[in-house]
Structure formats: C-alpha cells, structure tokens
Amino acid sequence: MNVPEPLLLIDDDVRLSQMLVQYLGEAGFAVTCAATGKAGLQLASQAHWGLIILDLMLPDADGLDLCRTLRNGNTASIPILMLTARGDATDRIIGLEMGADDYLPKPFEPRELRARIKAILRRGARDATHVPVLRFGRLEIDREARELRVDGQVREVTSYQFDLLVAMAERAGRVLSREQLLDMVKGEPLEAFDRSIDVHISRLRAAIEDNPKHPRRILTLRGAGYVFARAQDSDDAL
C-alpha cells in the first residue's frame, strides 16, 4: 500500500482548500491546510512535507516574505509551488528568485496544479540521486565511497545496512513501515512477522547514534515504523 505524499497548503481561501483536499487526495496526496502565514510556518517546521503550496496573498503575511522564511532552516529543502491572483509578472519573477520551484496564477485548472506538483516531485527525486554525500549534523553518508562518517570517523556497517540507511535518509522526516523499507532495499515483500529490519536498525543505531538506547537519528514510531530525523544533533523535532 502506497503512503500518500504529504502536501502543505497555505491559503486562506476555504472553498479552494476544501476542493484541493478532495481532488488531490484522490490523486494520492494527503493535504493539510493552513489559513494563515503563522499557522503555515508552524506546520512547515513540525513535519516532513513533500511540497508546500503557498498563496501569495494571506491575511497576516506577504507570501513572498513567507517564501523567503521557508527557504531557511529545516524547511529549506521543501519544494514550494506559489499560487496568486495577482497578475503582475514581477511577483512571479521575485518569487522564483526567492526559491519557489514553480508558480501558478489563479484561477487555475486543478489538473494543471496536479501535473505541476508531480513534475516538481519528479525533479526532486532525480536531484536527490545525484547528491554524492548526504549530511545530517555530524553524520555524513558518502554514497560514492559507501562510507558512514560521524565527526569524520568511519563507522562500519554492512552493505545492506548502508543501503537501508540511504533509503531512509533520502526520505528524511517521513515515516516508513517495515514493509516499505524492505521493498526499497530488496524489492521483495515482507513476510509475516519478519523482524529482520529491526535487527538492522538496531545495528545502524549502534554505529551512528551517540546513545543507541536514546536515538536521535533513527526514531521509532510504534505501530507505524521508523523515521530518519531531518534535524539532528540539536533539540529540533523531526
């Protein structure tokens, strides 16, 4: 079973938001709505989002300023698609220069929005595969050398465990079930009561965590699976 891609919609248009929740939900996305810039910023930093849909005209904030804020901190890597009823091309140019990934003027066809979202996510997936070293605080995952390093010191893991960690790191902040992890690494379905993933996770924690009994990098969500934390070596949340 595929997990819906989480999207954050920051827009004060209630009717539009309700329509997009239903329409994009049927297309395989899980849409969470925020009607103000303040609420949007709070939600953006509290969870992993595949993409943020941001309206430029909000009741409490300018969308361009909000875009600039989102391009800093732990939300910097989240793709942003801007929406606006403004007809000024200058807004579009400024938004793209501030880091928005795409721009769609209102009114728009929902099918076009869906197509643009999918195109952005495809580009992001391709870009991720070309990053040779993934860095999370003091942890470095060198895909070309196939090495894990903490504070520059190599930590020994098996080839399978390395691939497992890469699969999680590429989806940092996203909850992944045992079935999904096994499928990503082996391409085979998980057998009933198979706990091999748990063993590998335990060994990975022993290799990369400061205190494996109180992990900060690979977290367990009971009944759901595992999540590789985006914010590490700090007091930040996922």
Protein backbone atom coordinates (compact mmCIF):
# COMPACT_ATOMS: atom_id res chain seq x y z
CA MET A 1 0.00 0.00 0.00
CA ASN A 2 1.44 3.35 -1.05
CA VAL A 3 1.71 6.08 1.58
CA PRO A 4 0.11 9.35 0.36
CA GLU A 5 2.61 12.14 -0.35
CA PRO A 6 2.10 14.83 2.33
CA LEU A 7 1.42 18.33 1.00
CA LEU A 8 1.01 21.55 2.98
CA LEU A 9 -1.44 24.10 1.52
CA ILE A 10 -1.10 27.64 2.91
CA ASP A 11 -4.13 29.55 1.59
CA ASP A 12 -6.99 31.44 3.25
CA ASP A 13 -9.50 30.53 0.53
CA VAL A 14 -11.60 27.96 2.38
CA ARG A 15 -13.60 26.76 -0.64
CA LEU A 16 -10.47 26.32 -2.74
CA SER A 17 -8.71 24.50 0.09
CA GLN A 18 -11.61 22.09 0.60
CA MET A 19 -11.74 21.35 -3.12
CA LEU A 20 -7.99 20.70 -3.32
CA VAL A 21 -8.02 18.44 -0.26
CA GLN A 22 -10.56 16.22 -2.01
CA TYR A 23 -9.16 16.44 -5.53
CA LEU A 24 -5.51 15.94 -4.61
CA GLY A 25 -6.49 13.30 -2.08
CA GLU A 26 -8.00 11.25 -4.90
CA ALA A 27 -4.71 11.69 -6.78
CA GLY A 28 -2.66 10.13 -3.98
CA PHE A 29 -1.75 13.16 -1.88
CA ALA A 30 -2.52 13.93 1.76
CA VAL A 31 -3.20 17.67 2.02
CA THR A 32 -3.00 19.61 5.28
CA CYS A 33 -4.33 23.17 5.23
CA ALA A 34 -3.24 26.36 6.97
CA ALA A 35 -5.27 29.56 6.53
CA THR A 36 -2.60 31.99 7.79
CA GLY A 37 1.09 32.52 7.34
CA LYS A 38 1.75 31.97 11.04
CA ALA A 39 -0.05 28.63 11.07
CA GLY A 40 1.68 27.65 7.85
CA LEU A 41 5.16 28.32 9.26
CA GLN A 42 4.39 26.31 12.38
CA LEU A 43 3.16 23.33 10.40
CA ALA A 44 6.00 23.55 7.89
CA SER A 45 8.62 23.10 10.62
CA GLN A 46 6.78 20.36 12.50
CA ALA A 47 6.64 17.61 9.88
CA HIS A 48 8.11 16.39 6.63
CA TRP A 49 6.31 17.71 3.56
CA GLY A 50 6.75 16.55 0.00
CA LEU A 51 5.78 20.02 -1.19
CA ILE A 52 4.29 23.31 0.04
CA ILE A 53 1.58 25.11 -1.96
CA LEU A 54 1.81 28.76 -0.96
CA ASP A 55 -0.64 31.55 -1.74
CA LEU A 56 0.98 34.97 -2.04
CA MET A 57 -1.99 36.86 -0.60
CA LEU A 58 -2.52 35.85 3.02
CA PRO A 59 -4.40 37.77 5.74
CA ASP A 60 -1.43 38.06 8.11
CA ALA A 61 1.64 37.81 5.88
CA ASP A 62 3.05 38.52 2.47
CA GLY A 63 3.61 35.30 0.57
CA LEU A 64 6.96 36.48 -0.79
CA ASP A 65 8.24 37.14 2.74
CA LEU A 66 6.93 33.75 3.81
CA CYS A 67 8.73 32.08 0.91
CA ARG A 68 11.97 33.74 1.99
CA THR A 69 11.49 32.45 5.55
CA LEU A 70 10.72 28.92 4.35
CA ARG A 71 13.96 28.90 2.39
CA ASN A 72 15.91 28.97 5.67
CA GLY A 73 16.31 26.46 8.48
CA ASN A 74 14.94 22.93 8.35
CA THR A 75 12.32 23.81 5.71
CA ALA A 76 14.89 24.98 3.15
CA SER A 77 14.77 21.81 1.06
CA ILE A 78 10.97 21.55 0.78
CA PRO A 79 9.75 22.40 -2.76
CA ILE A 80 7.39 25.40 -2.98
CA LEU A 81 4.70 26.00 -5.57
CA MET A 82 3.27 29.52 -5.44
CA LEU A 83 -0.35 30.48 -6.12
CA THR A 84 -1.59 34.02 -6.66
CA ALA A 85 -4.43 36.03 -8.10
CA ARG A 86 -2.01 38.87 -8.83
CA GLY A 87 -1.34 39.46 -12.49
CA ASP A 88 1.99 41.20 -12.06
CA ALA A 89 4.85 39.27 -13.68
CA THR A 90 7.22 40.94 -11.20
CA ASP A 91 5.74 38.89 -8.35
CA ARG A 92 6.34 35.71 -10.29
CA ILE A 93 9.95 36.65 -11.01
CA ILE A 94 10.64 37.67 -7.41
CA GLY A 95 9.04 34.50 -6.09
CA LEU A 96 11.16 32.29 -8.32
CA GLU A 97 14.29 34.25 -7.40
CA MET A 98 13.48 33.70 -3.71
CA GLY A 99 13.48 29.97 -4.26
CA ALA A 100 9.98 28.97 -5.32
CA ASP A 101 10.09 25.93 -7.60
CA ASP A 102 7.06 26.87 -9.70
CA TYR A 103 4.30 29.44 -9.99
CA LEU A 104 0.62 29.05 -10.93
CA PRO A 105 -1.74 32.03 -11.37
CA LYS A 106 -5.33 31.91 -10.13
CA PRO A 107 -7.78 30.82 -11.35
CA PHE A 108 -6.30 27.52 -12.48
CA GLU A 109 -7.40 24.07 -13.54
CA PRO A 110 -6.90 21.51 -10.74
CA ARG A 111 -5.44 19.10 -13.31
CA GLU A 112 -2.70 21.60 -14.11
CA LEU A 113 -1.88 22.01 -10.43
CA ARG A 114 -1.69 18.24 -10.04
CA ALA A 115 0.58 17.97 -13.09
CA ARG A 116 2.90 20.70 -11.79
CA ILE A 117 3.10 19.08 -8.34
CA LYS A 118 4.05 15.74 -9.87
CA ALA A 119 6.65 17.38 -12.12
CA ILE A 120 8.28 19.14 -9.13
CA LEU A 121 8.37 15.91 -7.12
CA ARG A 122 9.91 14.02 -10.05
CA ARG A 123 12.63 16.65 -10.37
CA GLY A 124 13.33 16.45 -6.66
CA ALA A 125 13.65 12.68 -6.79
CA ARG A 126 16.12 12.92 -9.68
CA ASP A 127 18.15 15.64 -7.95
CA ALA A 128 18.39 13.62 -4.75
CA THR A 129 20.02 10.71 -6.55
CA HIS A 130 22.86 12.96 -7.74
CA VAL A 131 23.94 14.20 -4.28
CA PRO A 132 27.11 12.19 -3.51
CA VAL A 133 27.21 12.97 0.22
CA LEU A 134 24.14 13.33 2.44
CA ARG A 135 24.85 15.38 5.56
CA PHE A 136 22.79 15.43 8.75
CA GLY A 137 24.56 17.31 11.51
CA ARG A 138 27.73 15.37 12.36
CA LEU A 139 26.67 12.39 10.25
CA GLU A 140 27.85 12.04 6.64
CA ILE A 141 26.57 9.37 4.26
CA ASP A 142 29.01 9.14 1.35
CA ARG A 143 27.22 7.27 -1.41
CA GLU A 144 30.16 7.19 -3.80
CA ALA A 145 32.64 5.86 -1.24
CA ARG A 146 29.86 3.87 0.52
CA GLU A 147 31.02 5.15 3.88
CA LEU A 148 29.27 6.38 7.01
CA ARG A 149 31.14 9.00 9.00
CA VAL A 150 30.38 10.64 12.34
CA ASP A 151 32.68 13.54 13.18
CA GLY A 152 34.83 12.42 10.25
CA GLN A 153 35.34 8.94 11.71
CA VAL A 154 34.25 5.98 9.57
CA ARG A 155 31.60 3.76 11.16
CA GLU A 156 31.47 0.16 9.98
CA VAL A 157 28.20 -1.28 8.68
CA THR A 158 27.28 -3.98 6.19
CA SER A 159 26.42 -3.18 2.57
CA TYR A 160 22.77 -3.99 3.27
CA GLN A 161 22.68 -1.69 6.28
CA PHE A 162 24.30 1.09 4.26
CA ASP A 163 21.61 0.77 1.56
CA LEU A 164 18.93 0.74 4.24
CA LEU A 165 20.25 3.94 5.79
CA VAL A 166 20.47 5.66 2.39
CA ALA A 167 16.85 4.74 1.65
CA MET A 168 15.77 6.31 4.95
CA ALA A 169 18.00 9.38 4.61
CA GLU A 170 16.63 10.13 1.14
CA ARG A 171 13.19 10.29 2.77
CA ALA A 172 14.25 12.06 5.96
CA GLY A 173 11.33 13.09 8.14
CA ARG A 174 8.97 10.60 6.54
CA VAL A 175 7.57 7.62 8.46
CA LEU A 176 8.44 4.38 6.69
CA SER A 177 6.95 0.99 7.56
CA ARG A 178 9.00 -2.19 7.72
CA GLU A 179 7.31 -3.32 4.52
CA GLN A 180 8.34 -0.16 2.68
CA LEU A 181 11.92 -0.34 3.89
CA LEU A 182 12.34 -3.96 2.89
CA ASP A 183 10.83 -3.27 -0.51
CA MET A 184 13.15 -0.28 -1.06
CA VAL A 185 16.28 -2.25 -0.24
CA LYS A 186 15.47 -5.74 -1.53
CA GLY A 187 12.49 -5.24 -3.80
CA GLU A 188 10.75 -8.15 -2.06
CA PRO A 189 7.58 -8.17 0.06
CA LEU A 190 7.89 -8.54 3.82
CA GLU A 191 6.95 -11.95 5.17
CA ALA A 192 4.60 -12.20 8.12
CA PHE A 193 6.28 -11.46 11.48
CA ASP A 194 9.59 -10.69 9.74
CA ARG A 195 11.67 -8.56 12.11
CA SER A 196 14.94 -8.55 10.16
CA ILE A 197 14.60 -4.82 9.56
CA ASP A 198 14.52 -4.27 13.34
CA VAL A 199 17.82 -6.08 13.71
CA HIS A 200 19.48 -3.97 11.02
CA ILE A 201 18.07 -0.77 12.52
CA SER A 202 19.50 -1.77 15.89
CA ARG A 203 22.93 -2.28 14.37
CA LEU A 204 22.75 1.01 12.49
CA ARG A 205 21.91 2.79 15.72
CA ALA A 206 24.90 1.17 17.38
CA ALA A 207 27.06 2.54 14.57
CA ILE A 208 25.80 6.12 14.28
CA GLU A 209 23.97 7.10 17.48
CA ASP A 210 25.72 8.72 20.44
CA ASN A 211 23.41 6.70 22.69
CA PRO A 212 21.67 3.84 20.85
CA LYS A 213 19.20 3.42 23.72
CA HIS A 214 18.04 7.01 23.22
CA PRO A 215 18.36 7.53 19.45
CA ARG A 216 18.25 10.98 17.83
CA ARG A 217 18.82 9.94 14.22
CA ILE A 218 16.67 6.85 13.60
CA LEU A 219 13.43 7.13 15.55
CA THR A 220 10.75 4.51 16.18
CA LEU A 221 7.05 5.34 15.82
CA ARG A 222 5.25 2.46 17.48
CA GLY A 223 2.76 0.77 15.23
CA ALA A 224 3.91 2.78 12.21
CA GLY A 225 7.59 2.16 11.53
CA TYR A 226 10.77 4.22 11.53
CA VAL A 227 11.68 7.77 10.64
CA PHE A 228 15.12 9.20 9.89
CA ALA A 229 15.19 12.62 11.59
CA ARG A 230 15.86 15.65 9.40
CA ALA A 231 17.10 17.71 12.36
CA GLN A 232 19.96 16.01 14.19
CA ASP A 233 22.50 16.96 16.86
CA SER A 234 20.02 19.57 18.12
CA ASP A 235 16.84 19.84 20.12
CA ASP A 236 14.72 20.30 17.00
CA ALA A 237 11.87 17.97 16.16
CA LEU A 238 11.67 15.78 13.07
